[in-house]
């Protein structure tokens, strides 16, 4: 749930608010009691090491290139023949 803060409070406490955004908190910014907008943390991409990715996919089933290509062509409804 987002906390309501005034425009003035945002101005006066921007440093503290930025730290709280980093912690996942959200805010609704108001001016004279009227909501103007929302502040929230950006979704961050989670990165894993190459070694962890290799280990994760080690047990994945193998993929036959030609079967995959045929399935994709059917879904995309494309003629795989080269153009003249």
N, C-alpha and C. Protein backbone atom coordinates (compact mmCIF):
# COMPACT_ATOMS: atom_id res chain seq x y z
N UNK A 1 0.84 -1.18 0.00
CA UNK A 1 0.00 0.00 0.00
C UNK A 1 0.89 1.24 0.00
N UNK A 2 0.54 2.23 -0.80
CA UNK A 2 1.39 3.41 -0.89
C UNK A 2 1.01 4.43 0.17
N UNK A 3 2.00 5.15 0.59
CA UNK A 3 1.81 6.20 1.60
C UNK A 3 1.62 7.53 0.89
N UNK A 4 0.70 8.36 1.36
CA UNK A 4 0.48 9.68 0.77
C UNK A 4 1.46 10.67 1.36
N UNK A 5 2.12 11.41 0.46
CA UNK A 5 3.01 12.49 0.91
C UNK A 5 2.71 13.73 0.07
N UNK A 6 2.90 14.87 0.69
CA UNK A 6 2.67 16.12 -0.04
C UNK A 6 3.88 16.44 -0.92
N UNK A 7 3.65 17.32 -1.86
CA UNK A 7 4.74 17.78 -2.71
C UNK A 7 5.85 18.39 -1.86
N UNK A 8 5.46 19.13 -0.83
CA UNK A 8 6.42 19.77 0.06
C UNK A 8 7.23 18.73 0.82
N UNK A 9 6.55 17.68 1.30
CA UNK A 9 7.25 16.61 2.02
C UNK A 9 8.24 15.91 1.11
N UNK A 10 7.87 15.71 -0.15
CA UNK A 10 8.79 15.11 -1.12
C UNK A 10 10.02 15.98 -1.28
N UNK A 11 9.80 17.28 -1.38
CA UNK A 11 10.91 18.24 -1.54
C UNK A 11 11.81 18.23 -0.31
N UNK A 12 11.21 18.28 0.88
CA UNK A 12 11.98 18.38 2.12
C UNK A 12 12.69 17.08 2.49
N UNK A 13 12.12 15.94 2.13
CA UNK A 13 12.66 14.65 2.58
C UNK A 13 13.08 13.75 1.41
N UNK A 14 13.50 14.35 0.31
CA UNK A 14 13.77 13.56 -0.89
C UNK A 14 14.84 12.48 -0.65
N UNK A 15 15.87 12.78 0.11
CA UNK A 15 16.92 11.79 0.37
C UNK A 15 16.38 10.57 1.08
N UNK A 16 15.60 10.80 2.13
CA UNK A 16 15.01 9.69 2.90
C UNK A 16 14.03 8.91 2.02
N UNK A 17 13.25 9.62 1.23
CA UNK A 17 12.27 8.97 0.37
C UNK A 17 12.97 8.10 -0.69
N UNK A 18 14.08 8.59 -1.24
CA UNK A 18 14.83 7.79 -2.23
C UNK A 18 15.34 6.49 -1.60
N UNK A 19 15.82 6.57 -0.38
CA UNK A 19 16.28 5.35 0.30
C UNK A 19 15.13 4.38 0.52
N UNK A 20 13.96 4.92 0.88
CA UNK A 20 12.80 4.06 1.09
C UNK A 20 12.29 3.47 -0.22
N UNK A 21 12.39 4.22 -1.32
CA UNK A 21 12.05 3.66 -2.63
C UNK A 21 12.95 2.46 -2.93
N UNK A 22 14.22 2.60 -2.61
CA UNK A 22 15.17 1.52 -2.83
C UNK A 22 14.81 0.29 -2.00
N UNK A 23 14.13 0.49 -0.89
CA UNK A 23 13.69 -0.61 -0.03
C UNK A 23 12.35 -1.20 -0.49
N UNK A 24 11.74 -0.59 -1.52
CA UNK A 24 10.50 -1.13 -2.07
C UNK A 24 9.24 -0.38 -1.69
N UNK A 25 9.36 0.71 -0.94
CA UNK A 25 8.17 1.47 -0.53
C UNK A 25 7.64 2.30 -1.70
N UNK A 26 6.34 2.58 -1.68
CA UNK A 26 5.72 3.39 -2.72
C UNK A 26 5.00 4.58 -2.09
N UNK A 27 4.82 5.63 -2.90
CA UNK A 27 4.21 6.87 -2.43
C UNK A 27 3.22 7.40 -3.45
N UNK A 28 2.19 8.09 -2.93
CA UNK A 28 1.30 8.89 -3.76
C UNK A 28 1.59 10.34 -3.39
N UNK A 29 2.00 11.12 -4.37
CA UNK A 29 2.36 12.52 -4.13
C UNK A 29 1.12 13.39 -4.36
N UNK A 30 0.86 14.28 -3.39
CA UNK A 30 -0.31 15.15 -3.48
C UNK A 30 0.09 16.62 -3.50
N UNK A 31 -0.79 17.44 -4.01
CA UNK A 31 -0.64 18.91 -3.96
C UNK A 31 -1.98 19.47 -3.52
N UNK A 32 -1.98 20.15 -2.40
CA UNK A 32 -3.22 20.67 -1.80
C UNK A 32 -4.25 19.55 -1.61
N UNK A 33 -3.75 18.35 -1.25
CA UNK A 33 -4.63 17.23 -0.98
C UNK A 33 -5.09 16.45 -2.21
N UNK A 34 -4.71 16.93 -3.40
CA UNK A 34 -5.13 16.27 -4.64
C UNK A 34 -3.99 15.37 -5.12
N UNK A 35 -4.24 14.06 -5.32
CA UNK A 35 -3.18 13.17 -5.81
C UNK A 35 -2.68 13.60 -7.18
N UNK A 36 -1.34 13.68 -7.31
CA UNK A 36 -0.71 14.07 -8.57
C UNK A 36 -0.06 12.90 -9.29
N UNK A 37 0.53 12.01 -8.55
CA UNK A 37 1.24 10.90 -9.18
C UNK A 37 1.72 9.91 -8.14
N UNK A 38 2.33 8.86 -8.65
CA UNK A 38 2.83 7.81 -7.78
C UNK A 38 4.33 7.65 -7.97
N UNK A 39 5.00 7.39 -6.88
CA UNK A 39 6.43 7.07 -6.90
C UNK A 39 6.58 5.64 -6.43
N UNK A 40 7.36 4.89 -7.15
CA UNK A 40 7.60 3.51 -6.75
C UNK A 40 8.94 3.05 -7.26
N UNK A 41 9.45 1.98 -6.69
CA UNK A 41 10.74 1.45 -7.13
C UNK A 41 10.64 0.87 -8.53
N UNK A 42 11.72 0.98 -9.27
CA UNK A 42 11.79 0.33 -10.58
C UNK A 42 12.00 -1.16 -10.38
N UNK A 43 11.44 -1.94 -11.28
CA UNK A 43 11.70 -3.38 -11.23
C UNK A 43 13.12 -3.61 -11.71
N UNK A 44 13.85 -4.32 -10.95
CA UNK A 44 15.25 -4.57 -11.29
C UNK A 44 15.41 -5.97 -11.84
N UNK A 45 16.28 -6.06 -12.82
CA UNK A 45 16.60 -7.37 -13.37
C UNK A 45 17.53 -8.09 -12.41
N UNK A 46 17.28 -9.36 -12.24
CA UNK A 46 18.16 -10.14 -11.38
C UNK A 46 19.17 -10.85 -12.27
N UNK A 47 20.42 -10.67 -11.96
CA UNK A 47 21.49 -11.28 -12.74
C UNK A 47 22.05 -12.46 -11.97
N UNK A 48 22.41 -13.48 -12.73
CA UNK A 48 23.07 -14.62 -12.13
C UNK A 48 24.38 -14.83 -12.87
N UNK A 49 25.29 -15.50 -12.24
CA UNK A 49 26.59 -15.74 -12.85
C UNK A 49 26.45 -16.73 -14.01
N UNK A 50 27.42 -16.70 -14.90
CA UNK A 50 27.42 -17.62 -16.04
C UNK A 50 27.47 -19.06 -15.55
N UNK A 51 28.23 -19.29 -14.51
CA UNK A 51 28.35 -20.64 -13.96
C UNK A 51 26.99 -21.14 -13.44
N UNK A 52 26.26 -20.27 -12.78
CA UNK A 52 24.94 -20.65 -12.26
C UNK A 52 23.97 -20.93 -13.40
N UNK A 53 24.05 -20.13 -14.47
CA UNK A 53 23.17 -20.35 -15.63
C UNK A 53 23.48 -21.68 -16.30
N UNK A 54 24.76 -21.99 -16.47
CA UNK A 54 25.16 -23.26 -17.08
C UNK A 54 24.64 -24.42 -16.23
N UNK A 55 24.78 -24.31 -14.92
CA UNK A 55 24.32 -25.37 -14.03
C UNK A 55 22.80 -25.51 -14.09
N UNK A 56 22.10 -24.40 -14.20
CA UNK A 56 20.65 -24.41 -14.28
C UNK A 56 20.16 -25.14 -15.53
N UNK A 57 20.83 -24.88 -16.66
CA UNK A 57 20.42 -25.48 -17.92
C UNK A 57 21.05 -26.85 -18.19
N UNK A 58 21.92 -27.29 -17.32
CA UNK A 58 22.59 -28.58 -17.53
C UNK A 58 21.59 -29.72 -17.64
N UNK A 59 20.52 -29.66 -16.88
CA UNK A 59 19.53 -30.74 -16.88
C UNK A 59 18.34 -30.46 -17.81
N UNK A 60 18.40 -29.37 -18.56
CA UNK A 60 17.30 -29.05 -19.48
C UNK A 60 17.32 -30.03 -20.66
N UNK A 61 16.16 -30.33 -21.21
CA UNK A 61 16.14 -31.25 -22.35
C UNK A 61 16.80 -30.61 -23.56
N UNK A 62 17.37 -31.45 -24.41
CA UNK A 62 18.01 -30.92 -25.62
C UNK A 62 16.93 -30.47 -26.60
N UNK A 63 17.29 -29.53 -27.46
CA UNK A 63 16.35 -28.98 -28.44
C UNK A 63 16.88 -29.30 -29.83
N UNK A 64 16.05 -29.93 -30.62
CA UNK A 64 16.42 -30.20 -32.01
C UNK A 64 16.15 -28.95 -32.84
N UNK A 65 17.18 -28.42 -33.45
CA UNK A 65 17.06 -27.16 -34.19
C UNK A 65 15.98 -27.23 -35.26
N UNK A 66 15.95 -28.29 -36.05
CA UNK A 66 15.02 -28.37 -37.18
C UNK A 66 13.57 -28.50 -36.71
N UNK A 67 13.33 -29.23 -35.61
CA UNK A 67 11.98 -29.31 -35.05
C UNK A 67 11.54 -27.95 -34.54
N UNK A 68 12.44 -27.27 -33.85
CA UNK A 68 12.13 -25.93 -33.34
C UNK A 68 11.82 -24.98 -34.48
N UNK A 69 12.64 -25.02 -35.52
CA UNK A 69 12.44 -24.14 -36.68
C UNK A 69 11.10 -24.42 -37.35
N UNK A 70 10.76 -25.68 -37.53
CA UNK A 70 9.49 -26.05 -38.15
C UNK A 70 8.31 -25.56 -37.30
N UNK A 71 8.40 -25.73 -36.00
CA UNK A 71 7.34 -25.26 -35.11
C UNK A 71 7.19 -23.74 -35.17
N UNK A 72 8.30 -23.04 -35.18
CA UNK A 72 8.26 -21.58 -35.25
C UNK A 72 7.67 -21.11 -36.58
N UNK A 73 8.03 -21.79 -37.67
CA UNK A 73 7.49 -21.42 -38.98
C UNK A 73 5.97 -21.61 -39.03
N UNK A 74 5.49 -22.67 -38.40
CA UNK A 74 4.04 -22.91 -38.37
C UNK A 74 3.35 -21.80 -37.57
N UNK A 75 3.90 -21.48 -36.41
CA UNK A 75 3.31 -20.46 -35.55
C UNK A 75 3.34 -19.10 -36.25
N UNK A 76 4.45 -18.78 -36.89
CA UNK A 76 4.60 -17.49 -37.55
C UNK A 76 3.93 -17.49 -38.92
N UNK A 77 3.55 -18.67 -39.42
CA UNK A 77 2.90 -18.81 -40.72
C UNK A 77 3.75 -18.18 -41.83
N UNK A 78 5.04 -18.51 -41.81
CA UNK A 78 5.95 -17.98 -42.81
C UNK A 78 6.39 -19.09 -43.76
N UNK A 79 6.62 -18.72 -44.98
CA UNK A 79 7.18 -19.66 -45.95
C UNK A 79 8.70 -19.63 -45.77
N UNK A 80 9.31 -20.76 -45.36
CA UNK A 80 10.74 -20.75 -45.10
C UNK A 80 11.60 -20.75 -46.36
N UNK A 81 10.97 -20.80 -47.56
CA UNK A 81 11.75 -20.84 -48.80
C UNK A 81 12.44 -19.50 -49.04
N UNK A 82 13.68 -19.56 -49.56
CA UNK A 82 14.38 -18.30 -49.86
C UNK A 82 13.65 -17.52 -50.97
N UNK A 83 13.76 -16.22 -50.90
CA UNK A 83 13.14 -15.39 -51.93
C UNK A 83 14.04 -15.31 -53.16
N UNK A 84 13.44 -15.22 -54.32
CA UNK A 84 14.23 -15.16 -55.55
C UNK A 84 14.73 -13.75 -55.79
